[in-house]
C-alpha cells in the first residue's frame, strides 16, 4: 500500500563508485527496501566491476582469450550491453574498456582522477561489440585477448531497474532508486508523482556529481539531491513510472597532461566525444533504455534531436552555453505546470514500441518507448539539496 502523499522514507549512501538514493512511499518499508537494494548492488559490483580483482568481469577480461563460465547476472548484464550496442549501431559499445584505460581511467575513478601526468600511450579504438562471444544458454563468454570489456554504460542502469522492480514487489509500495543519476521508479507513485531535479552543469558539482534528484511531490517529502548544494537543478520535472537517466561530459571528467578527458568514448577513435551537448536527459520505459538513449545522444551530436524525436522519447539536451532542446513532449524549461495527461506523444510503457535504432529490434531489457509523461514540477515543490546523489 502506498504511503501518504508527501511522506516518504529515504536513504542516501555511496555505492558503485557514486552516490545512491532510495525513496519509498511507505516509511515503514524503508529498512527492508534498503536491505534489498544493498544486496543487489553488492551482487552487481561482484559481477560487473572492471576494477575489482576477482569480480566476474575482471576474470573475463583476464582470461587470455579463453571462454569463461558466468553467472545469470553477468549474462544478463552482458546481453543488455550488447543489445545497447546493436540498437545504437555501435555507439554504446562495451568493448571500450581498453580505450578508457589508455586515457587513464584504469582504476576506480576516485583514484584515477588524482593522476594528472601526460598519457604514455596513444588512444585505443574499441575492438567492436561484435568481438564478444556470449552464449546465454551455456552462460559462457569469450573475448579476444586484446579486448577489455567495460559495462559502465549500462550496468548501473540495469541495477536500478532490477532493484526497483524487486523492492516494489517485496514491499508493495512505490519506490524510486537513483544510482548516480540513473533513476527507476516502480509501484504506485506518490499522489504528486516523483519530483526529479535535473542538474545541467555537472562539471561544477562536487565530486563530479550528476543529474537527477528525486522526491515525492511536496516540499515535505524526503529527497535525494543530485549534484551538490552549490549546483542546483536546472529544471524539475515529475515522472510516475519508468526510468530517467542523464549522461554528461562533465560527470566523470579528469585531466591528463593539461588535456581534459571524460568517460563517454567514441568507439572508432578511442577518444572522448567532442559533443555539442554537455548533458542529455531521457525518460523511457526502463532506466537501461533511458541511459542507452542519453549516452548515444551525446555521441550523435546534432543528429540526436531528430533521432530522439523519431523514437518519441522525452528528452532534454543541454548545449555548452546552457541553451536547451526538447524532444518527445519533454516540457520547456519555462513551461508553467501542466497536467501530465495533456502532454503530446504516447504515454506509458504500454505505448508504441520504438527501437533505439531503426537498424534493430526493440531492446530485450524492455521496449524503448516513452515512460509516463514528463511534466514540469509546480513552483511549490523545491528540492532539498541536503542529501546528495552521485555521478551520471
Protein backbone atom coordinates (compact mmCIF):
# COMPACT_ATOMS: atom_id res chain seq x y z
CA UNK A 1 0.00 0.00 0.00
CA UNK A 2 1.35 3.40 -0.98
CA UNK A 3 2.30 5.78 1.77
CA UNK A 4 0.57 9.06 2.49
CA UNK A 5 1.27 11.73 -0.14
CA UNK A 6 4.21 13.88 0.88
CA UNK A 7 5.51 11.34 3.43
CA UNK A 8 8.36 9.11 2.25
CA UNK A 9 11.22 7.14 3.64
CA UNK A 10 14.65 7.96 2.19
CA UNK A 11 18.25 6.70 2.42
CA UNK A 12 21.36 8.01 0.65
CA UNK A 13 24.74 6.27 0.58
CA UNK A 14 27.71 5.56 -1.66
CA UNK A 15 27.75 2.56 -4.00
CA UNK A 16 29.28 1.51 -7.32
CA UNK A 17 31.68 4.44 -7.22
CA UNK A 18 28.91 7.00 -6.95
CA UNK A 19 26.06 8.11 -4.71
CA UNK A 20 22.85 6.14 -4.39
CA UNK A 21 19.44 7.23 -3.14
CA UNK A 22 16.39 5.18 -2.23
CA UNK A 23 12.90 6.57 -1.66
CA UNK A 24 9.78 4.60 -0.70
CA UNK A 25 6.24 5.86 -0.24
CA UNK A 26 5.81 3.75 2.92
CA UNK A 27 8.42 4.78 5.51
CA UNK A 28 7.84 1.54 7.44
CA UNK A 29 9.21 -0.38 4.45
CA UNK A 30 12.45 1.58 4.21
CA UNK A 31 14.76 -0.82 6.05
CA UNK A 32 13.59 -3.86 4.12
CA UNK A 33 13.85 -1.91 0.86
CA UNK A 34 17.36 -0.73 1.76
CA UNK A 35 18.48 -4.27 2.52
CA UNK A 36 17.23 -5.47 -0.85
CA UNK A 37 18.93 -2.58 -2.67
CA UNK A 38 22.21 -3.10 -0.83
CA UNK A 39 22.20 -6.81 -1.71
CA UNK A 40 21.53 -6.04 -5.37
CA UNK A 41 24.37 -3.52 -5.54
CA UNK A 42 26.85 -5.92 -3.95
CA UNK A 43 25.85 -8.58 -6.49
CA UNK A 44 26.21 -6.18 -9.42
CA UNK A 45 29.60 -4.98 -8.18
CA UNK A 46 30.91 -8.53 -7.83
CA UNK A 47 29.65 -9.41 -11.29
CA UNK A 48 30.34 -6.26 -13.32
CA UNK A 49 33.24 -4.31 -11.81
CA UNK A 50 36.13 -3.67 -14.19
CA UNK A 51 38.44 -2.77 -11.29
CA UNK A 52 37.67 -5.26 -8.52
CA UNK A 53 40.13 -8.20 -8.69
CA UNK A 54 38.15 -11.40 -8.59
CA UNK A 55 34.93 -9.93 -9.99
CA UNK A 56 33.40 -11.93 -12.80
CA UNK A 57 34.09 -9.23 -15.37
CA UNK A 58 37.69 -8.93 -14.18
CA UNK A 59 38.10 -12.65 -14.74
CA UNK A 60 36.63 -12.39 -18.25
CA UNK A 61 39.00 -9.52 -19.09
CA UNK A 62 41.99 -11.52 -17.83
CA UNK A 63 41.12 -14.90 -19.35
CA UNK A 64 43.65 -14.53 -22.20
CA UNK A 65 41.01 -15.17 -24.83
CA UNK A 66 39.56 -18.31 -23.23
CA UNK A 67 35.83 -18.88 -22.58
CA UNK A 68 34.67 -18.16 -19.04
CA UNK A 69 31.62 -19.53 -17.25
CA UNK A 70 29.48 -16.70 -15.84
CA UNK A 71 26.52 -16.17 -13.52
CA UNK A 72 22.98 -15.41 -14.69
CA UNK A 73 23.50 -11.81 -13.50
CA UNK A 74 26.61 -11.19 -15.61
CA UNK A 75 24.96 -12.97 -18.55
CA UNK A 76 22.05 -10.55 -18.28
CA UNK A 77 24.39 -7.57 -17.93
CA UNK A 78 26.40 -8.60 -20.99
CA UNK A 79 23.27 -9.28 -23.04
CA UNK A 80 21.96 -5.85 -22.06
CA UNK A 81 25.24 -4.15 -23.05
CA UNK A 82 25.37 -5.96 -26.39
CA UNK A 83 21.73 -5.07 -27.09
CA UNK A 84 22.53 -1.40 -26.40
CA UNK A 85 25.45 -1.61 -28.84
CA UNK A 86 23.38 -3.28 -31.53
CA UNK A 87 20.46 -0.91 -31.18
CA UNK A 88 22.65 2.19 -31.34
CA UNK A 89 24.67 0.97 -34.32
CA UNK A 90 27.71 0.52 -32.08
CA UNK A 91 27.66 3.97 -30.47
CA UNK A 92 27.27 2.50 -26.97
CA UNK A 93 29.97 -0.18 -27.08
CA UNK A 94 31.05 -2.38 -24.12
CA UNK A 95 34.48 -3.04 -25.69
CA UNK A 96 35.68 0.49 -24.80
CA UNK A 97 37.49 -0.76 -21.68
CA UNK A 98 40.93 -0.56 -23.26
CA UNK A 99 40.09 2.89 -24.62
CA UNK A 100 39.27 4.15 -21.12
CA UNK A 101 42.38 2.51 -19.63
CA UNK A 102 44.62 4.21 -22.21
CA UNK A 103 43.10 7.55 -21.21
CA UNK A 104 43.97 6.97 -17.57
CA UNK A 105 40.67 5.56 -16.36
CA UNK A 106 42.31 2.28 -15.39
CA UNK A 107 41.27 2.15 -11.72
CA UNK A 108 38.42 3.34 -9.54
CA UNK A 109 37.53 6.87 -10.65
CA UNK A 110 38.25 8.46 -7.28
CA UNK A 111 41.84 7.24 -7.67
CA UNK A 112 42.23 7.69 -11.43
CA UNK A 113 41.30 11.38 -11.34
CA UNK A 114 44.18 12.14 -8.97
CA UNK A 115 46.81 11.36 -11.60
CA UNK A 116 47.42 14.28 -13.99
CA UNK A 117 50.56 13.03 -15.76
CA UNK A 118 50.84 13.06 -19.55
CA UNK A 119 49.44 9.87 -21.08
CA UNK A 120 52.13 7.40 -22.05
CA UNK A 121 50.31 5.52 -24.83
CA UNK A 122 48.21 6.54 -27.85
CA UNK A 123 44.40 6.17 -27.84
CA UNK A 124 42.99 2.69 -28.38
CA UNK A 125 39.86 2.40 -30.56
CA UNK A 126 37.30 -0.12 -29.31
CA UNK A 127 37.56 -3.62 -30.71
CA UNK A 128 33.85 -3.62 -31.54
CA UNK A 129 30.95 -5.25 -29.75
CA UNK A 130 30.75 -7.99 -32.40
CA UNK A 131 34.00 -9.42 -30.98
CA UNK A 132 32.18 -10.54 -27.82
CA UNK A 133 31.11 -14.19 -27.95
CA UNK A 134 28.26 -14.59 -25.46
CA UNK A 135 26.42 -17.89 -25.11
CA UNK A 136 23.41 -17.18 -22.91
CA UNK A 137 22.26 -20.81 -22.87
CA UNK A 138 25.58 -22.23 -21.65
CA UNK A 139 26.31 -18.99 -19.78
CA UNK A 140 29.81 -18.55 -21.16
CA UNK A 141 31.57 -15.57 -22.68
CA UNK A 142 34.82 -15.16 -24.57
CA UNK A 143 36.59 -12.03 -25.70
CA UNK A 144 39.87 -11.81 -27.63
CA UNK A 145 42.99 -11.40 -25.52
CA UNK A 146 43.33 -7.73 -26.55
CA UNK A 147 39.74 -6.80 -25.65
CA UNK A 148 38.73 -5.28 -22.32
CA UNK A 149 35.04 -5.03 -21.51
CA UNK A 150 33.55 -2.10 -19.60
CA UNK A 151 29.89 -2.19 -18.60
CA UNK A 152 29.75 1.32 -17.19
CA UNK A 153 27.29 2.49 -19.85
CA UNK A 154 24.56 0.01 -18.89
CA UNK A 155 25.27 -1.96 -15.68
CA UNK A 156 24.31 0.82 -13.26
CA UNK A 157 21.06 1.45 -15.12
CA UNK A 158 20.34 -2.28 -15.14
CA UNK A 159 20.95 -2.38 -11.39
CA UNK A 160 18.41 0.44 -10.92
CA UNK A 161 15.83 -1.44 -13.00
CA UNK A 162 16.39 -4.72 -11.20
CA UNK A 163 16.42 -3.21 -7.73
CA UNK A 164 13.32 -1.07 -8.18
CA UNK A 165 11.29 -3.99 -9.51
CA UNK A 166 12.45 -6.33 -6.75
CA UNK A 167 11.84 -3.81 -3.97
CA UNK A 168 8.40 -2.83 -5.22
CA UNK A 169 7.34 -6.46 -5.46
CA UNK A 170 8.61 -7.17 -1.93
CA UNK A 171 7.28 -4.15 -0.05
CA UNK A 172 4.17 -3.38 -2.10
CA UNK A 173 4.63 0.39 -2.24
CA UNK A 174 6.06 2.99 -4.56
CA UNK A 175 9.85 3.06 -4.86
CA UNK A 176 12.48 5.23 -6.51
CA UNK A 177 16.07 4.07 -6.97
CA UNK A 178 18.64 6.65 -8.01
CA UNK A 179 22.13 5.32 -8.79
CA UNK A 180 24.22 8.33 -9.69
CA UNK A 181 21.52 9.85 -11.89
CA UNK A 182 20.26 6.54 -13.31
CA UNK A 183 16.71 6.57 -11.93
CA UNK A 184 13.98 3.94 -11.95
CA UNK A 185 10.59 4.16 -10.29
CA UNK A 186 8.21 1.27 -9.69
CA UNK A 187 4.94 0.63 -7.90
CA UNK A 188 2.26 3.17 -7.09
CA UNK A 189 3.82 6.66 -7.15
CA UNK A 190 3.09 9.37 -4.59
CA UNK A 191 -0.01 11.46 -5.22
CA UNK A 192 2.11 14.25 -6.67
CA UNK A 193 4.41 11.91 -8.61
CA UNK A 194 8.18 11.72 -8.21
CA UNK A 195 9.86 15.11 -8.48
CA UNK A 196 13.14 14.88 -10.40
CA UNK A 197 15.67 17.70 -10.39
CA UNK A 198 17.88 17.86 -13.48
CA UNK A 199 21.39 19.21 -12.84
CA UNK A 200 22.80 20.73 -16.03
CA UNK A 201 26.35 21.82 -15.25
CA UNK A 202 27.79 18.68 -13.78
CA UNK A 203 31.34 19.93 -14.15
CA UNK A 204 30.78 22.46 -11.36
CA UNK A 205 29.26 19.97 -8.93
CA UNK A 206 31.38 18.49 -6.20
CA UNK A 207 32.82 15.01 -6.80
CA UNK A 208 31.72 15.07 -10.42
CA UNK A 209 28.10 14.98 -9.37
CA UNK A 210 25.25 14.16 -11.65
CA UNK A 211 21.73 14.83 -12.73
CA UNK A 212 18.58 13.62 -11.15
CA UNK A 213 17.37 14.47 -7.71
CA UNK A 214 14.15 12.94 -6.58
CA UNK A 215 11.38 13.37 -4.07
CA UNK A 216 7.68 12.85 -3.72
CA UNK A 217 5.62 15.76 -4.91
CA UNK A 218 5.76 18.07 -1.92
CA UNK A 219 8.25 20.20 -0.11
CA UNK A 220 7.97 17.98 2.96
CA UNK A 221 8.86 14.76 1.20
CA UNK A 222 12.22 13.05 1.53
CA UNK A 223 14.70 13.88 -1.22
CA UNK A 224 17.88 12.55 -2.75
CA UNK A 225 19.59 15.57 -4.25
CA UNK A 226 21.95 15.03 -7.14
CA UNK A 227 24.95 17.21 -7.70
CA UNK A 228 25.86 19.37 -4.76
CA UNK A 229 24.35 22.14 -2.72
CA UNK A 230 26.23 24.55 -4.97
CA UNK A 231 24.86 23.08 -8.19
CA UNK A 232 21.10 23.22 -8.08
CA UNK A 233 18.78 21.64 -10.61
CA UNK A 234 18.39 23.36 -13.98
CA UNK A 235 14.84 22.05 -14.23
CA UNK A 236 12.44 19.99 -12.13
CA UNK A 237 10.05 17.51 -13.74
CA UNK A 238 7.62 14.88 -12.47
CA UNK A 239 7.55 11.23 -13.54
CA UNK A 240 5.19 8.48 -12.42
CA UNK A 241 6.67 5.34 -13.95
CA UNK A 242 9.60 4.03 -15.98
CA UNK A 243 13.15 5.32 -15.95
CA UNK A 244 15.06 8.56 -16.39
CA UNK A 245 18.78 8.98 -16.99
CA UNK A 246 21.21 11.80 -17.66
CA UNK A 247 24.51 11.44 -19.48
CA UNK A 248 27.06 14.23 -19.31
CA UNK A 249 30.56 15.04 -20.46
CA UNK A 250 31.13 16.76 -17.11
CA UNK A 251 30.21 13.91 -14.78
CA UNK A 252 33.31 11.70 -14.90
CA UNK A 253 35.95 14.10 -16.21
CA UNK A 254 39.66 14.27 -15.44
CA UNK A 255 42.87 15.97 -16.62
CA UNK A 256 45.93 14.29 -18.10
CA UNK A 257 48.84 16.43 -19.22
CA UNK A 258 46.66 19.51 -19.48
CA UNK A 259 44.06 17.74 -21.62
CA UNK A 260 40.51 17.44 -20.31
CA UNK A 261 39.05 13.95 -20.75
CA UNK A 262 35.73 12.31 -19.95
CA UNK A 263 34.19 8.85 -19.95
CA UNK A 264 31.87 8.91 -22.99
CA UNK A 265 34.07 7.36 -25.67
CA UNK A 266 33.77 7.37 -29.46
CA UNK A 267 34.41 3.69 -30.17
CA UNK A 268 36.03 4.32 -33.56
CA UNK A 269 38.71 6.64 -32.16
CA UNK A 270 39.06 5.66 -28.53
CA UNK A 271 38.79 9.33 -27.60
CA UNK A 272 36.17 11.21 -25.56
CA UNK A 273 33.23 12.52 -27.59
CA UNK A 274 33.58 16.15 -28.70
CA UNK A 275 29.83 16.72 -28.46
CA UNK A 276 27.71 19.82 -28.89
CA UNK A 277 25.80 18.65 -25.79
CA UNK A 278 27.16 18.89 -22.26
CA UNK A 279 24.25 16.88 -20.85
CA UNK A 280 21.29 14.88 -22.14
CA UNK A 281 18.38 13.61 -20.02
CA UNK A 282 15.96 10.99 -21.37
CA UNK A 283 12.81 9.38 -19.94
CA UNK A 284 11.93 5.88 -21.18
CA UNK A 285 10.18 2.66 -20.20
CA UNK A 286 13.26 1.45 -18.31
CA UNK A 287 16.40 3.03 -16.93
CA UNK A 288 18.53 0.94 -19.31
CA UNK A 289 16.58 2.33 -22.27
CA UNK A 290 16.87 5.89 -20.96
CA UNK A 291 20.61 5.61 -20.31
CA UNK A 292 21.29 3.96 -23.65
CA UNK A 293 19.49 6.78 -25.44
CA UNK A 294 21.09 9.59 -23.41
CA UNK A 295 24.60 8.21 -23.96
CA UNK A 296 24.02 7.70 -27.67
CA UNK A 297 22.64 11.25 -27.93
CA UNK A 298 25.88 12.70 -26.56
CA UNK A 299 27.79 10.73 -29.19
CA UNK A 300 25.44 11.62 -32.07
CA UNK A 301 25.61 15.35 -31.51
CA UNK A 302 23.21 17.45 -33.57
CA UNK A 303 21.70 14.32 -35.15
CA UNK A 304 20.39 13.28 -31.74
CA UNK A 305 17.45 15.70 -31.75
CA UNK A 306 15.80 14.17 -34.80
CA UNK A 307 16.70 10.65 -33.67
CA UNK A 308 15.07 11.07 -30.25
CA UNK A 309 12.03 12.76 -31.80
CA UNK A 310 11.56 9.85 -34.19
CA UNK A 311 11.65 7.48 -31.22
CA UNK A 312 9.12 9.69 -29.39
CA UNK A 313 11.41 9.70 -26.37
CA UNK A 314 11.01 12.65 -23.97
CA UNK A 315 14.47 14.23 -23.75
CA UNK A 316 16.22 17.43 -22.73
CA UNK A 317 19.52 18.25 -24.44
CA UNK A 318 21.73 21.00 -22.99
CA UNK A 319 24.39 22.81 -25.04
CA UNK A 320 27.61 24.12 -23.56
CA UNK A 321 26.19 27.66 -23.49
CA UNK A 322 23.23 26.46 -21.42
CA UNK A 323 20.59 26.61 -24.16
CA UNK A 324 18.36 23.57 -24.46
CA UNK A 325 16.45 21.45 -26.97
CA UNK A 326 13.50 19.24 -26.02
CA UNK A 327 12.03 16.21 -27.77
CA UNK A 328 9.14 13.80 -27.34
CA UNK A 329 6.97 16.02 -25.15
CA UNK A 330 9.60 16.97 -22.58
CA UNK A 331 8.33 20.27 -21.11
CA UNK A 332 10.06 23.52 -21.96
CA UNK A 333 12.24 24.98 -19.22
CA UNK A 334 9.92 27.96 -18.84
CA UNK A 335 6.70 25.98 -19.03
CA UNK A 336 4.04 26.54 -16.40
CA UNK A 337 2.72 23.49 -14.54
CA UNK A 338 0.58 21.24 -16.72
CA UNK A 339 -1.34 18.02 -16.29
CA UNK A 340 0.87 15.15 -17.50
CA UNK A 341 -2.10 13.80 -19.47
CA UNK A 342 -2.03 16.92 -21.63
CA UNK A 343 1.48 16.30 -22.95
CA UNK A 344 1.86 15.33 -26.59
CA UNK A 345 3.03 11.89 -27.57
CA UNK A 346 2.18 8.37 -26.42
CA UNK A 347 2.30 7.73 -22.71
CA UNK A 348 3.45 4.91 -20.52
CA UNK A 349 5.38 1.70 -21.07
CA UNK A 350 2.30 0.32 -22.83
CA UNK A 351 2.62 2.99 -25.55
CA UNK A 352 4.03 2.32 -29.02
CA UNK A 353 7.24 0.32 -29.00
CA UNK A 354 10.16 2.23 -30.52
CA UNK A 355 13.55 0.59 -31.12
CA UNK A 356 16.59 2.64 -30.14
CA UNK A 357 17.86 2.38 -33.71
CA UNK A 358 15.95 1.68 -36.94
CA UNK A 359 18.62 -0.93 -37.62
CA UNK A 360 17.45 -3.35 -34.96
CA UNK A 361 14.50 -4.67 -32.94
CA UNK A 362 13.50 -3.46 -29.51
CA UNK A 363 15.82 -3.97 -26.57
CA UNK A 364 15.36 -7.20 -24.60
CA UNK A 365 15.73 -5.05 -21.48
CA UNK A 366 12.33 -3.54 -22.24
CA UNK A 367 10.77 -1.68 -25.15
CA UNK A 368 12.31 1.72 -25.76
CA UNK A 369 9.21 3.83 -25.52
CA UNK A 370 8.23 6.87 -23.52
CA UNK A 371 7.73 6.38 -19.86
CA UNK A 372 4.80 8.08 -18.20
CA UNK A 373 4.53 11.66 -19.39
CA UNK A 374 7.12 14.04 -18.03
CA UNK A 375 5.55 17.19 -16.62
CA UNK A 376 7.00 20.35 -15.12
CA UNK A 377 7.11 20.48 -11.35
CA UNK A 378 4.94 23.05 -9.64
CA UNK A 379 6.61 26.06 -8.02
CA UNK A 380 5.66 24.73 -4.56
CA UNK A 381 7.93 21.70 -4.87
CA UNK A 382 11.50 22.73 -4.07
CA UNK A 383 14.25 20.15 -3.91
CA UNK A 384 16.20 19.82 -0.71
CA UNK A 385 19.93 19.94 -1.51
CA UNK A 386 20.89 18.41 1.82
CA UNK A 387 21.32 14.81 0.70
CA UNK A 388 23.37 14.29 -2.41
CA UNK A 389 23.46 11.89 -5.30
CA UNK A 390 26.45 10.83 -7.35
CA UNK A 391 27.65 10.55 -10.90
CA UNK A 392 25.78 10.01 -14.12
